[in-house]
Amino acid sequence: MAYPPHDVLIDNLHASARGDGLAFEKLYRATSPHLYAQLLRIVRQEAAAQDCLQLVYLRVWQVAGQYDATRARPMTWLSTLTRNIGIDWLRRQRPQEADGNAIIETLPGETDVERESDLNQQAASLQQCLTELTTQQRQALELAFFEGLTHHDLASHLTTPLGTVKSWVRRGLERLKACMTRLA
């Protein structure tokens, strides 16, 4: 699942805080699939997850002005709001359970949510950066990393001189690093 860069999400959050409906719609379209999946894991019912998702975005619309980019990444902030709303829903559904902690202990932890959000963002960034490589660079890197081919194996497999293959890999890695740094 590809998210827009952090800067775009931050801009959409700030614009939503100013009442910009178009920015809010962009934010919703970019982030709702991930947040809905998170809610499904928490509440374990599609209808409830859909209801909770509405509550999440209602809350985002109301408190977007409180988002502070120096304290959390946009997806981390949104995921935390989502988790809290899901937990509140569970507590309302099971008020007879005196120990609400029993429910919470079965849920993924906040750090799990942050880690998953970060991994999803990194995967989306990597996919975007791979599209910026030349076909030869991308193919050489994919064969090297996913198939475990050495430089010599790559040269043989691609019927290309060893020096050329080494250049493709080196330049491809440099471009990936620059792109990932730019998107971070």
N, C-alpha and C. Protein backbone atom coordinates (compact mmCIF):
# COMPACT_ATOMS: atom_id res chain seq x y z
N MET A 1 0.85 -1.16 0.00
CA MET A 1 0.00 0.00 0.00
C MET A 1 0.90 1.23 0.00
N ALA A 2 0.74 2.05 -0.97
CA ALA A 2 1.62 3.20 -1.10
C ALA A 2 0.98 4.43 -0.48
N TYR A 3 1.75 5.05 0.39
CA TYR A 3 1.31 6.31 0.97
C TYR A 3 2.02 7.43 0.24
N PRO A 4 1.43 8.61 0.21
CA PRO A 4 2.19 9.75 -0.29
C PRO A 4 3.35 10.04 0.67
N PRO A 5 4.32 10.82 0.23
CA PRO A 5 5.41 11.18 1.15
C PRO A 5 4.88 11.88 2.40
N HIS A 6 5.66 11.82 3.48
CA HIS A 6 5.26 12.44 4.74
C HIS A 6 4.84 13.90 4.54
N ASP A 7 5.60 14.62 3.73
CA ASP A 7 5.32 16.05 3.52
C ASP A 7 3.91 16.26 2.99
N VAL A 8 3.48 15.40 2.08
CA VAL A 8 2.14 15.54 1.50
C VAL A 8 1.07 15.28 2.56
N LEU A 9 1.27 14.23 3.36
CA LEU A 9 0.32 13.94 4.42
C LEU A 9 0.28 15.07 5.45
N ILE A 10 1.44 15.61 5.78
CA ILE A 10 1.50 16.73 6.73
C ILE A 10 0.74 17.93 6.16
N ASP A 11 1.00 18.25 4.89
CA ASP A 11 0.29 19.36 4.25
C ASP A 11 -1.21 19.14 4.26
N ASN A 12 -1.64 17.90 3.97
CA ASN A 12 -3.07 17.59 3.96
C ASN A 12 -3.67 17.72 5.36
N LEU A 13 -2.93 17.31 6.38
CA LEU A 13 -3.42 17.46 7.75
C LEU A 13 -3.57 18.94 8.12
N HIS A 14 -2.56 19.74 7.79
CA HIS A 14 -2.61 21.17 8.12
C HIS A 14 -3.72 21.87 7.34
N ALA A 15 -3.88 21.51 6.08
CA ALA A 15 -4.95 22.12 5.28
C ALA A 15 -6.32 21.68 5.80
N SER A 16 -6.45 20.44 6.24
CA SER A 16 -7.71 19.97 6.83
C SER A 16 -8.04 20.75 8.08
N ALA A 17 -7.01 21.07 8.85
CA ALA A 17 -7.22 21.86 10.06
C ALA A 17 -7.78 23.25 9.72
N ARG A 18 -7.47 23.74 8.53
CA ARG A 18 -7.99 25.04 8.09
C ARG A 18 -9.34 24.90 7.40
N GLY A 19 -9.87 23.67 7.35
CA GLY A 19 -11.19 23.45 6.76
C GLY A 19 -11.17 23.13 5.28
N ASP A 20 -10.03 22.75 4.74
CA ASP A 20 -9.92 22.44 3.32
C ASP A 20 -10.45 21.02 3.06
N GLY A 21 -11.65 20.93 2.51
CA GLY A 21 -12.29 19.64 2.26
C GLY A 21 -11.56 18.79 1.24
N LEU A 22 -10.96 19.41 0.22
CA LEU A 22 -10.23 18.66 -0.81
C LEU A 22 -9.00 17.99 -0.20
N ALA A 23 -8.28 18.71 0.66
CA ALA A 23 -7.11 18.13 1.32
C ALA A 23 -7.53 16.99 2.23
N PHE A 24 -8.66 17.15 2.90
CA PHE A 24 -9.18 16.09 3.77
C PHE A 24 -9.53 14.85 2.95
N GLU A 25 -10.13 15.07 1.79
CA GLU A 25 -10.46 13.94 0.91
C GLU A 25 -9.20 13.21 0.45
N LYS A 26 -8.16 13.97 0.10
CA LYS A 26 -6.88 13.36 -0.31
C LYS A 26 -6.27 12.56 0.84
N LEU A 27 -6.35 13.12 2.03
CA LEU A 27 -5.84 12.44 3.22
C LEU A 27 -6.60 11.13 3.43
N TYR A 28 -7.91 11.20 3.30
CA TYR A 28 -8.76 10.01 3.48
C TYR A 28 -8.40 8.94 2.46
N ARG A 29 -8.32 9.34 1.19
CA ARG A 29 -8.04 8.36 0.14
C ARG A 29 -6.67 7.70 0.32
N ALA A 30 -5.71 8.46 0.81
CA ALA A 30 -4.35 7.94 0.95
C ALA A 30 -4.18 7.05 2.18
N THR A 31 -4.95 7.31 3.23
CA THR A 31 -4.69 6.63 4.50
C THR A 31 -5.78 5.66 4.95
N SER A 32 -6.98 5.79 4.43
CA SER A 32 -8.09 4.98 4.95
C SER A 32 -7.92 3.47 4.77
N PRO A 33 -7.33 2.98 3.67
CA PRO A 33 -7.17 1.51 3.58
C PRO A 33 -6.34 0.94 4.73
N HIS A 34 -5.26 1.62 5.07
CA HIS A 34 -4.40 1.14 6.16
C HIS A 34 -5.13 1.23 7.50
N LEU A 35 -5.81 2.34 7.74
CA LEU A 35 -6.50 2.51 9.02
C LEU A 35 -7.68 1.55 9.14
N TYR A 36 -8.36 1.29 8.04
CA TYR A 36 -9.46 0.33 8.06
C TYR A 36 -8.94 -1.06 8.40
N ALA A 37 -7.83 -1.45 7.80
CA ALA A 37 -7.23 -2.77 8.10
C ALA A 37 -6.83 -2.85 9.57
N GLN A 38 -6.31 -1.77 10.09
CA GLN A 38 -5.93 -1.72 11.50
C GLN A 38 -7.18 -1.91 12.38
N LEU A 39 -8.26 -1.23 12.03
CA LEU A 39 -9.50 -1.37 12.80
C LEU A 39 -10.07 -2.77 12.72
N LEU A 40 -9.98 -3.40 11.55
CA LEU A 40 -10.46 -4.78 11.42
C LEU A 40 -9.72 -5.71 12.37
N ARG A 41 -8.42 -5.49 12.53
CA ARG A 41 -7.64 -6.33 13.45
C ARG A 41 -8.06 -6.09 14.90
N ILE A 42 -8.51 -4.89 15.19
CA ILE A 42 -8.89 -4.56 16.57
C ILE A 42 -10.31 -5.02 16.88
N VAL A 43 -11.28 -4.60 16.07
CA VAL A 43 -12.69 -4.87 16.40
C VAL A 43 -13.20 -6.18 15.82
N ARG A 44 -12.54 -6.69 14.81
CA ARG A 44 -12.83 -8.00 14.21
C ARG A 44 -14.23 -8.13 13.61
N GLN A 45 -14.81 -7.01 13.21
CA GLN A 45 -16.11 -7.01 12.55
C GLN A 45 -16.10 -5.92 11.49
N GLU A 46 -16.49 -6.27 10.27
CA GLU A 46 -16.44 -5.29 9.17
C GLU A 46 -17.30 -4.08 9.44
N ALA A 47 -18.55 -4.30 9.85
CA ALA A 47 -19.46 -3.17 10.09
C ALA A 47 -18.91 -2.26 11.18
N ALA A 48 -18.39 -2.86 12.23
CA ALA A 48 -17.83 -2.07 13.33
C ALA A 48 -16.59 -1.31 12.86
N ALA A 49 -15.77 -1.95 12.06
CA ALA A 49 -14.56 -1.28 11.55
C ALA A 49 -14.95 -0.09 10.67
N GLN A 50 -16.00 -0.25 9.87
CA GLN A 50 -16.47 0.86 9.02
C GLN A 50 -16.99 2.00 9.88
N ASP A 51 -17.76 1.67 10.91
CA ASP A 51 -18.28 2.71 11.81
C ASP A 51 -17.13 3.43 12.52
N CYS A 52 -16.18 2.66 13.00
CA CYS A 52 -15.03 3.24 13.70
C CYS A 52 -14.21 4.12 12.75
N LEU A 53 -14.09 3.69 11.50
CA LEU A 53 -13.33 4.49 10.53
C LEU A 53 -13.98 5.85 10.34
N GLN A 54 -15.31 5.88 10.31
CA GLN A 54 -16.01 7.17 10.22
C GLN A 54 -15.67 8.03 11.44
N LEU A 55 -15.66 7.40 12.60
CA LEU A 55 -15.32 8.14 13.83
C LEU A 55 -13.89 8.66 13.78
N VAL A 56 -12.99 7.85 13.22
CA VAL A 56 -11.60 8.28 13.11
C VAL A 56 -11.50 9.56 12.29
N TYR A 57 -12.13 9.56 11.12
CA TYR A 57 -11.99 10.73 10.25
C TYR A 57 -12.79 11.93 10.76
N LEU A 58 -13.85 11.69 11.48
CA LEU A 58 -14.55 12.79 12.14
C LEU A 58 -13.62 13.42 13.17
N ARG A 59 -12.95 12.56 13.91
CA ARG A 59 -12.00 13.04 14.92
C ARG A 59 -10.82 13.77 14.26
N VAL A 60 -10.32 13.22 13.17
CA VAL A 60 -9.21 13.88 12.46
C VAL A 60 -9.64 15.27 12.01
N TRP A 61 -10.84 15.38 11.46
CA TRP A 61 -11.35 16.68 11.00
C TRP A 61 -11.40 17.66 12.17
N GLN A 62 -11.78 17.17 13.35
CA GLN A 62 -11.92 18.03 14.51
C GLN A 62 -10.59 18.43 15.13
N VAL A 63 -9.61 17.53 15.10
CA VAL A 63 -8.36 17.80 15.83
C VAL A 63 -7.12 17.88 14.94
N ALA A 64 -7.29 17.98 13.65
CA ALA A 64 -6.13 18.04 12.74
C ALA A 64 -5.19 19.18 13.12
N GLY A 65 -5.72 20.24 13.65
CA GLY A 65 -4.90 21.37 14.07
C GLY A 65 -3.96 21.05 15.21
N GLN A 66 -4.21 19.96 15.92
CA GLN A 66 -3.35 19.57 17.03
C GLN A 66 -2.17 18.71 16.58
N TYR A 67 -2.17 18.29 15.31
CA TYR A 67 -1.07 17.46 14.82
C TYR A 67 0.22 18.27 14.83
N ASP A 68 1.28 17.66 15.38
CA ASP A 68 2.59 18.30 15.46
C ASP A 68 3.61 17.39 14.77
N ALA A 69 4.07 17.81 13.63
CA ALA A 69 4.99 16.99 12.83
C ALA A 69 6.33 16.75 13.54
N THR A 70 6.66 17.56 14.53
CA THR A 70 7.92 17.36 15.26
C THR A 70 7.80 16.24 16.28
N ARG A 71 6.56 15.82 16.59
CA ARG A 71 6.36 14.80 17.61
C ARG A 71 6.07 13.42 17.04
N ALA A 72 5.47 13.36 15.84
CA ALA A 72 5.13 12.05 15.27
C ALA A 72 4.96 12.18 13.76
N ARG A 73 5.23 11.07 13.08
CA ARG A 73 4.94 11.02 11.65
C ARG A 73 3.43 11.00 11.46
N PRO A 74 2.95 11.46 10.31
CA PRO A 74 1.51 11.52 10.11
C PRO A 74 0.81 10.17 10.28
N MET A 75 1.38 9.10 9.71
CA MET A 75 0.72 7.79 9.82
C MET A 75 0.78 7.26 11.25
N THR A 76 1.80 7.59 11.99
CA THR A 76 1.87 7.18 13.38
C THR A 76 0.77 7.88 14.18
N TRP A 77 0.61 9.17 13.95
CA TRP A 77 -0.43 9.94 14.64
C TRP A 77 -1.81 9.41 14.29
N LEU A 78 -2.06 9.18 13.00
CA LEU A 78 -3.35 8.66 12.57
C LEU A 78 -3.59 7.25 13.11
N SER A 79 -2.56 6.42 13.11
CA SER A 79 -2.70 5.06 13.63
C SER A 79 -3.00 5.05 15.12
N THR A 80 -2.41 5.98 15.86
CA THR A 80 -2.67 6.08 17.29
C THR A 80 -4.13 6.49 17.55
N LEU A 81 -4.60 7.48 16.80
CA LEU A 81 -6.01 7.87 16.91
C LEU A 81 -6.92 6.68 16.60
N THR A 82 -6.58 5.97 15.56
CA THR A 82 -7.37 4.82 15.12
C THR A 82 -7.40 3.74 16.19
N ARG A 83 -6.26 3.43 16.73
CA ARG A 83 -6.16 2.40 17.78
C ARG A 83 -7.01 2.79 18.98
N ASN A 84 -6.92 4.04 19.38
CA ASN A 84 -7.69 4.50 20.54
C ASN A 84 -9.20 4.40 20.29
N ILE A 85 -9.63 4.76 19.11
CA ILE A 85 -11.06 4.68 18.78
C ILE A 85 -11.51 3.22 18.74
N GLY A 86 -10.70 2.35 18.19
CA GLY A 86 -11.03 0.92 18.18
C GLY A 86 -11.14 0.35 19.58
N ILE A 87 -10.20 0.71 20.44
CA ILE A 87 -10.23 0.23 21.83
C ILE A 87 -11.46 0.77 22.55
N ASP A 88 -11.77 2.05 22.35
CA ASP A 88 -12.97 2.63 22.97
C ASP A 88 -14.22 1.89 22.51
N TRP A 89 -14.28 1.53 21.23
CA TRP A 89 -15.44 0.79 20.71
C TRP A 89 -15.55 -0.55 21.42
N LEU A 90 -14.42 -1.25 21.56
CA LEU A 90 -14.43 -2.55 22.24
C LEU A 90 -14.91 -2.42 23.68
N ARG A 91 -14.45 -1.40 24.36
CA ARG A 91 -14.86 -1.20 25.76
C ARG A 91 -16.36 -0.93 25.86
N ARG A 92 -16.91 -0.17 24.93
CA ARG A 92 -18.36 0.10 24.94
C ARG A 92 -19.16 -1.16 24.65
N GLN A 93 -18.60 -2.07 23.84
CA GLN A 93 -19.32 -3.29 23.49
C GLN A 93 -19.29 -4.31 24.61
N ARG A 94 -18.29 -4.21 25.46
CA ARG A 94 -18.13 -5.20 26.53
C ARG A 94 -18.03 -4.51 27.90
N PRO A 95 -19.04 -3.73 28.26
CA PRO A 95 -18.94 -3.00 29.53
C PRO A 95 -18.98 -3.94 30.74
N GLN A 96 -19.49 -5.16 30.56
CA GLN A 96 -19.58 -6.11 31.67
C GLN A 96 -18.20 -6.58 32.11
N GLU A 97 -17.21 -6.47 31.24
CA GLU A 97 -15.86 -6.90 31.61
C GLU A 97 -15.24 -5.83 32.49
N ALA A 98 -15.03 -6.17 33.73
CA ALA A 98 -14.48 -5.20 34.67
C ALA A 98 -13.06 -4.81 34.30
N ASP A 99 -12.33 -5.77 33.76
CA ASP A 99 -10.94 -5.52 33.43
C ASP A 99 -10.79 -5.25 31.94
N GLY A 100 -10.83 -3.99 31.56
CA GLY A 100 -10.66 -3.61 30.16
C GLY A 100 -9.27 -3.93 29.65
N ASN A 101 -8.35 -4.14 30.56
CA ASN A 101 -6.98 -4.46 30.14
C ASN A 101 -6.91 -5.80 29.45
N ALA A 102 -7.83 -6.72 29.77
CA ALA A 102 -7.84 -8.03 29.12
C ALA A 102 -8.07 -7.88 27.62
N ILE A 103 -8.92 -6.94 27.24
CA ILE A 103 -9.17 -6.67 25.82
C ILE A 103 -7.91 -6.08 25.19
N ILE A 104 -7.36 -5.11 25.85
CA ILE A 104 -6.22 -4.38 25.29
C ILE A 104 -5.01 -5.28 25.12
N GLU A 105 -4.83 -6.24 26.02
CA GLU A 105 -3.67 -7.13 25.93
C GLU A 105 -3.69 -8.00 24.69
N THR A 106 -4.86 -8.21 24.11
CA THR A 106 -4.95 -9.04 22.90
C THR A 106 -4.68 -8.24 21.63
N LEU A 107 -4.56 -6.93 21.75
CA LEU A 107 -4.37 -6.06 20.58
C LEU A 107 -2.89 -5.84 20.30
N PRO A 108 -2.59 -5.51 19.03
CA PRO A 108 -1.20 -5.15 18.74
C PRO A 108 -0.85 -3.89 19.52
N GLY A 109 0.36 -3.84 20.06
CA GLY A 109 0.78 -2.69 20.84
C GLY A 109 0.98 -1.46 19.98
N GLU A 110 1.04 -0.32 20.62
CA GLU A 110 1.21 0.94 19.91
C GLU A 110 2.53 0.93 19.15
N THR A 111 3.57 0.34 19.77
CA THR A 111 4.85 0.28 19.06
C THR A 111 4.75 -0.64 17.85
N ASP A 112 3.92 -1.70 17.94
CA ASP A 112 3.69 -2.57 16.78
C ASP A 112 3.04 -1.78 15.65
N VAL A 113 2.08 -0.95 16.00
CA VAL A 113 1.38 -0.14 15.01
C VAL A 113 2.35 0.83 14.36
N GLU A 114 3.19 1.47 15.19
CA GLU A 114 4.18 2.40 14.65
C GLU A 114 5.16 1.68 13.73
N ARG A 115 5.63 0.52 14.18
CA ARG A 115 6.59 -0.24 13.37
C ARG A 115 5.96 -0.68 12.06
N GLU A 116 4.72 -1.17 12.12
CA GLU A 116 4.03 -1.59 10.90
C GLU A 116 3.81 -0.41 9.96
N SER A 117 3.44 0.73 10.53
CA SER A 117 3.23 1.92 9.72
C SER A 117 4.54 2.34 9.05
N ASP A 118 5.63 2.32 9.82
CA ASP A 118 6.94 2.68 9.26
C ASP A 118 7.37 1.70 8.18
N LEU A 119 7.15 0.41 8.41
CA LEU A 119 7.52 -0.60 7.41
C LEU A 119 6.71 -0.42 6.13
N ASN A 120 5.42 -0.15 6.28
CA ASN A 120 4.57 0.08 5.10
C ASN A 120 5.05 1.31 4.34
N GLN A 121 5.41 2.36 5.07
CA GLN A 121 5.89 3.58 4.42
C GLN A 121 7.20 3.31 3.70
N GLN A 122 8.10 2.57 4.34
CA GLN A 122 9.38 2.26 3.71
C GLN A 122 9.19 1.40 2.47
N ALA A 123 8.29 0.43 2.55
CA ALA A 123 8.03 -0.43 1.39
C ALA A 123 7.46 0.39 0.24
N ALA A 124 6.55 1.31 0.55
CA ALA A 124 5.98 2.16 -0.49
C ALA A 124 7.06 3.06 -1.09
N SER A 125 7.93 3.60 -0.25
CA SER A 125 9.02 4.44 -0.74
C SER A 125 9.98 3.64 -1.61
N LEU A 126 10.29 2.42 -1.19
CA LEU A 126 11.19 1.58 -1.98
C LEU A 126 10.58 1.29 -3.35
N GLN A 127 9.29 0.96 -3.37
CA GLN A 127 8.62 0.69 -4.65
C GLN A 127 8.69 1.92 -5.56
N GLN A 128 8.46 3.09 -4.98
CA GLN A 128 8.52 4.31 -5.77
C GLN A 128 9.93 4.55 -6.28
N CYS A 129 10.93 4.33 -5.43
CA CYS A 129 12.32 4.55 -5.83
C CYS A 129 12.77 3.55 -6.89
N LEU A 130 12.29 2.33 -6.82
CA LEU A 130 12.65 1.34 -7.84
C LEU A 130 12.20 1.77 -9.22
N THR A 131 11.11 2.52 -9.31
CA THR A 131 10.62 2.97 -10.62
C THR A 131 11.53 4.04 -11.21
N GLU A 132 12.36 4.66 -10.38
CA GLU A 132 13.27 5.70 -10.86
C GLU A 132 14.57 5.14 -11.43
N LEU A 133 14.79 3.84 -11.26
CA LEU A 133 16.00 3.21 -11.79
C LEU A 133 15.81 2.86 -13.26
N THR A 134 16.93 2.71 -13.95
CA THR A 134 16.84 2.22 -15.32
C THR A 134 16.42 0.75 -15.26
N THR A 135 15.94 0.24 -16.36
CA THR A 135 15.51 -1.16 -16.41
C THR A 135 16.68 -2.08 -16.05
N GLN A 136 17.87 -1.78 -16.56
CA GLN A 136 19.03 -2.62 -16.30
C GLN A 136 19.41 -2.58 -14.82
N GLN A 137 19.40 -1.38 -14.22
CA GLN A 137 19.74 -1.26 -12.81
C GLN A 137 18.74 -2.03 -11.95
N ARG A 138 17.46 -1.85 -12.22
CA ARG A 138 16.42 -2.52 -11.44
C ARG A 138 16.54 -4.04 -11.58
N GLN A 139 16.73 -4.52 -12.80
CA GLN A 139 16.83 -5.96 -13.03
C GLN A 139 18.06 -6.53 -12.31
N ALA A 140 19.18 -5.83 -12.41
CA ALA A 140 20.41 -6.31 -11.75
C ALA A 140 20.23 -6.35 -10.23
N LEU A 141 19.64 -5.32 -9.66
CA LEU A 141 19.43 -5.29 -8.21
C LEU A 141 18.43 -6.35 -7.75
N GLU A 142 17.36 -6.53 -8.51
CA GLU A 142 16.37 -7.54 -8.14
C GLU A 142 16.98 -8.94 -8.18
N LEU A 143 17.76 -9.22 -9.22
CA LEU A 143 18.39 -10.54 -9.31
C LEU A 143 19.43 -10.73 -8.19
N ALA A 144 20.16 -9.67 -7.88
CA ALA A 144 21.18 -9.78 -6.84
C ALA A 144 20.55 -9.97 -5.46
N PHE A 145 19.52 -9.20 -5.15
CA PHE A 145 18.97 -9.24 -3.80
C PHE A 145 17.90 -10.31 -3.61
N PHE A 146 17.08 -10.55 -4.61
CA PHE A 146 16.00 -11.51 -4.44
C PHE A 146 16.38 -12.92 -4.87
N GLU A 147 17.29 -13.02 -5.82
CA GLU A 147 17.73 -14.34 -6.28
C GLU A 147 19.10 -14.71 -5.72
N GLY A 148 19.78 -13.74 -5.11
CA GLY A 148 21.07 -14.01 -4.50
C GLY A 148 22.22 -14.18 -5.49
N LEU A 149 22.07 -13.63 -6.69
CA LEU A 149 23.12 -13.77 -7.69
C LEU A 149 24.30 -12.86 -7.37
N THR A 150 25.51 -13.37 -7.59
CA THR A 150 26.72 -12.57 -7.43
C THR A 150 26.92 -11.74 -8.69
N HIS A 151 27.92 -10.85 -8.66
CA HIS A 151 28.22 -10.07 -9.86
C HIS A 151 28.53 -10.97 -11.04
N HIS A 152 29.34 -12.02 -10.81
CA HIS A 152 29.69 -12.94 -11.88
C HIS A 152 28.45 -13.66 -12.41
N ASP A 153 27.58 -14.10 -11.50
CA ASP A 153 26.33 -14.76 -11.91
C ASP A 153 25.46 -13.81 -12.72
N LEU A 154 25.39 -12.54 -12.28
CA LEU A 154 24.59 -11.54 -13.00
C LEU A 154 25.12 -11.36 -14.42
N ALA A 155 26.44 -11.22 -14.53
CA ALA A 155 27.05 -11.01 -15.84
C ALA A 155 26.72 -12.18 -16.77
N SER A 156 26.80 -13.37 -16.24
CA SER A 156 26.50 -14.56 -17.04
C SER A 156 25.01 -14.61 -17.40
N HIS A 157 24.16 -14.39 -16.40
CA HIS A 157 22.72 -14.46 -16.60
C HIS A 157 22.23 -13.39 -17.59
N LEU A 158 22.80 -12.21 -17.50
CA LEU A 158 22.37 -11.09 -18.36
C LEU A 158 23.19 -10.99 -19.64
N THR A 159 24.14 -11.89 -19.80
CA THR A 159 25.07 -11.87 -20.94
C THR A 159 25.59 -10.45 -21.19
N THR A 160 26.16 -9.92 -20.12
CA THR A 160 26.67 -8.55 -20.12
C THR A 160 28.05 -8.58 -19.45
N PRO A 161 28.98 -7.74 -19.91
CA PRO A 161 30.31 -7.72 -19.28
C PRO A 161 30.23 -7.45 -17.77
N LEU A 162 31.13 -8.06 -17.03
CA LEU A 162 31.16 -7.96 -15.57
C LEU A 162 31.23 -6.50 -15.11
N GLY A 163 32.07 -5.70 -15.73
CA GLY A 163 32.23 -4.30 -15.34
C GLY A 163 30.92 -3.52 -15.49
N THR A 164 30.19 -3.81 -16.55
CA THR A 164 28.91 -3.14 -16.79
C THR A 164 27.91 -3.50 -15.71
N VAL A 165 27.85 -4.79 -15.37
CA VAL A 165 26.92 -5.24 -14.33
C VAL A 165 27.26 -4.60 -12.99
N LYS A 166 28.56 -4.55 -12.66
CA LYS A 166 28.97 -3.91 -11.40
C LYS A 166 28.57 -2.44 -11.39
N SER A 167 28.68 -1.76 -12.52
CA SER A 167 28.27 -0.36 -12.61
C SER A 167 26.76 -0.21 -12.41
N TRP A 168 25.99 -1.09 -13.02
CA TRP A 168 24.54 -1.04 -12.85
C TRP A 168 24.16 -1.19 -11.38
N VAL A 169 24.78 -2.15 -10.72
CA VAL A 169 24.46 -2.40 -9.31
C VAL A 169 24.88 -1.20 -8.46
N ARG A 170 26.11 -0.72 -8.64
CA ARG A 170 26.62 0.40 -7.84
C ARG A 170 25.77 1.65 -8.05
N ARG A 171 25.54 2.00 -9.31
CA ARG A 171 24.75 3.21 -9.60
C ARG A 171 23.29 3.06 -9.16
N GLY A 172 22.77 1.86 -9.32
CA GLY A 172 21.40 1.60 -8.87
C GLY A 172 21.26 1.78 -7.37
N LEU A 173 22.23 1.24 -6.63
CA LEU A 173 22.21 1.40 -5.17
C LEU A 173 22.36 2.86 -4.77
N GLU A 174 23.22 3.60 -5.47
CA GLU A 174 23.39 5.03 -5.17
C GLU A 174 22.08 5.79 -5.40
N ARG A 175 21.41 5.49 -6.52
CA ARG A 175 20.15 6.16 -6.82
C ARG A 175 19.07 5.79 -5.81
N LEU A 176 19.03 4.51 -5.42
CA LEU A 176 18.06 4.08 -4.41
C LEU A 176 18.30 4.81 -3.09
N LYS A 177 19.56 4.88 -2.68
CA LYS A 177 19.89 5.54 -1.43
C LYS A 177 19.48 7.01 -1.47
N ALA A 178 19.80 7.69 -2.56
CA ALA A 178 19.44 9.11 -2.68
C ALA A 178 17.93 9.29 -2.66
N CYS A 179 17.22 8.43 -3.37
CA CYS A 179 15.76 8.52 -3.43
C CYS A 179 15.15 8.24 -2.06
N MET A 180 15.60 7.21 -1.38
CA MET A 180 15.06 6.86 -0.06
C MET A 180 15.33 7.97 0.94
N THR A 181 16.50 8.60 0.85
CA THR A 181 16.83 9.72 1.73
C THR A 181 15.90 10.88 1.47
N ARG A 182 15.64 11.14 0.20
CA ARG A 182 14.75 12.24 -0.19
C ARG A 182 13.33 12.00 0.31
N LEU A 183 12.87 10.77 0.29
CA LEU A 183 11.49 10.46 0.68
C LEU A 183 11.33 10.28 2.19
N ALA A 184 12.44 10.15 2.90
CA ALA A 184 12.36 9.92 4.35
C ALA A 184 11.88 11.14 5.10
